Amino acid sequence: MWLVVSILSFGFFAVQAFKTGMPVRRWALAGLVAGPAVWPLFQVHLKRAQKRNWQPNYVRLNA
């Protein structure tokens, strides 16, 4: 059971990292090792990356 969850997490985090511009291999391996427990850490790193790249008068349109 844990193997199936880890493999699914591997694919999920690889896709999410690719979509957000984060290092794919790092997050995919983290998903493989720790499974879904990596999700909060992924969210924190994503928010930090967004804040780091924020610029004044920056407008982000979500489609």
C-alpha atoms as a PDB file:
ATOM      1  CA  MET A   1       0.000   0.000   0.000  1.00  0.00           C
ATOM      2  CA  TRP A   2       2.731   2.474   0.977  1.00  0.00           C
ATOM      3  CA  LEU A   3       4.589   1.710  -2.250  1.00  0.00           C
ATOM      4  CA  VAL A   4       1.553   2.639  -4.351  1.00  0.00           C
ATOM      5  CA  VAL A   5       1.046   5.888  -2.424  1.00  0.00           C
ATOM      6  CA  SER A   6       4.731   6.760  -2.792  1.00  0.00           C
ATOM      7  CA  ILE A   7       4.716   6.142  -6.529  1.00  0.00           C
ATOM      8  CA  LEU A   8       1.580   8.269  -6.958  1.00  0.00           C
ATOM      9  CA  SER A   9       3.137  11.023  -4.847  1.00  0.00           C
ATOM     10  CA  PHE A  10       6.263  10.844  -6.996  1.00  0.00           C
ATOM     11  CA  GLY A  11       4.225  11.613 -10.116  1.00  0.00           C
ATOM     12  CA  PHE A  12       2.054  14.222  -8.419  1.00  0.00           C
ATOM     13  CA  PHE A  13       4.961  16.225  -7.033  1.00  0.00           C
ATOM     14  CA  ALA A  14       6.878  15.971 -10.300  1.00  0.00           C
ATOM     15  CA  VAL A  15       3.949  17.514 -12.178  1.00  0.00           C
ATOM     16  CA  GLN A  16       3.293  20.175  -9.536  1.00  0.00           C
ATOM     17  CA  ALA A  17       6.959  21.171  -9.402  1.00  0.00           C
ATOM     18  CA  PHE A  18       7.099  21.412 -13.190  1.00  0.00           C
ATOM     19  CA  LYS A  19       3.931  23.535 -13.293  1.00  0.00           C
ATOM     20  CA  THR A  20       5.239  25.958 -10.661  1.00  0.00           C
ATOM     21  CA  GLY A  21       8.809  26.196 -11.944  1.00  0.00           C
ATOM     22  CA  MET A  22      10.422  24.500  -8.964  1.00  0.00           C
ATOM     23  CA  PRO A  23      13.145  21.816  -9.185  1.00  0.00           C
ATOM     24  CA  VAL A  24      11.339  18.720 -10.485  1.00  0.00           C
ATOM     25  CA  ARG A  25      13.809  16.038  -9.477  1.00  0.00           C
ATOM     26  CA  ARG A  26      14.086  17.289  -5.888  1.00  0.00           C
ATOM     27  CA  TRP A  27      10.334  17.351  -5.280  1.00  0.00           C
ATOM     28  CA  ALA A  28       9.661  14.100  -7.103  1.00  0.00           C
ATOM     29  CA  LEU A  29      12.219  12.271  -4.961  1.00  0.00           C
ATOM     30  CA  ALA A  30      10.820  13.882  -1.811  1.00  0.00           C
ATOM     31  CA  GLY A  31       7.373  12.629  -2.810  1.00  0.00           C
ATOM     32  CA  LEU A  32       8.751   9.154  -3.429  1.00  0.00           C
ATOM     33  CA  VAL A  33      10.487   9.003  -0.043  1.00  0.00           C
ATOM     34  CA  ALA A  34       7.937  10.717   2.202  1.00  0.00           C
ATOM     35  CA  GLY A  35       4.710  10.396   0.232  1.00  0.00           C
ATOM     36  CA  PRO A  36       1.937  12.921   0.799  1.00  0.00           C
ATOM     37  CA  ALA A  37       3.615  14.229   3.975  1.00  0.00           C
ATOM     38  CA  VAL A  38       5.700  16.498   1.706  1.00  0.00           C
ATOM     39  CA  TRP A  39       2.672  18.581   0.669  1.00  0.00           C
ATOM     40  CA  PRO A  40       2.901  21.190   3.507  1.00  0.00           C
ATOM     41  CA  LEU A  41       6.622  21.620   2.868  1.00  0.00           C
ATOM     42  CA  PHE A  42       5.958  22.026  -0.856  1.00  0.00           C
ATOM     43  CA  GLN A  43       3.373  24.733  -0.150  1.00  0.00           C
ATOM     44  CA  VAL A  44       5.761  26.646   2.122  1.00  0.00           C
ATOM     45  CA  HIS A  45       8.525  26.547  -0.493  1.00  0.00           C
ATOM     46  CA  LEU A  46       6.103  27.638  -3.198  1.00  0.00           C
ATOM     47  CA  LYS A  47       4.907  30.652  -1.180  1.00  0.00           C
ATOM     48  CA  ARG A  48       8.511  31.632  -0.382  1.00  0.00           C
ATOM     49  CA  ALA A  49       9.443  31.417  -4.067  1.00  0.00           C
ATOM     50  CA  GLN A  50       6.463  33.558  -5.016  1.00  0.00           C
ATOM     51  CA  LYS A  51       7.335  36.183  -2.414  1.00  0.00           C
ATOM     52  CA  ARG A  52      10.964  36.188  -3.529  1.00  0.00           C
ATOM     53  CA  ASN A  53       9.917  36.834  -7.135  1.00  0.00           C
ATOM     54  CA  TRP A  54       7.319  39.469  -6.310  1.00  0.00           C
ATOM     55  CA  GLN A  55       7.914  42.928  -7.757  1.00  0.00           C
ATOM     56  CA  PRO A  56       6.162  46.262  -7.146  1.00  0.00           C
ATOM     57  CA  ASN A  57       3.161  46.824  -9.402  1.00  0.00           C
ATOM     58  CA  TYR A  58       3.142  43.097 -10.195  1.00  0.00           C
ATOM     59  CA  VAL A  59      -0.304  41.889 -11.211  1.00  0.00           C
ATOM     60  CA  ARG A  60      -0.984  38.176 -11.267  1.00  0.00           C
ATOM     61  CA  LEU A  61      -4.032  36.999 -13.161  1.00  0.00           C
ATOM     62  CA  ASN A  62      -5.259  33.516 -12.361  1.00  0.00           C
ATOM     63  CA  ALA A  63      -7.097  31.867 -15.206  1.00  0.00           C
END
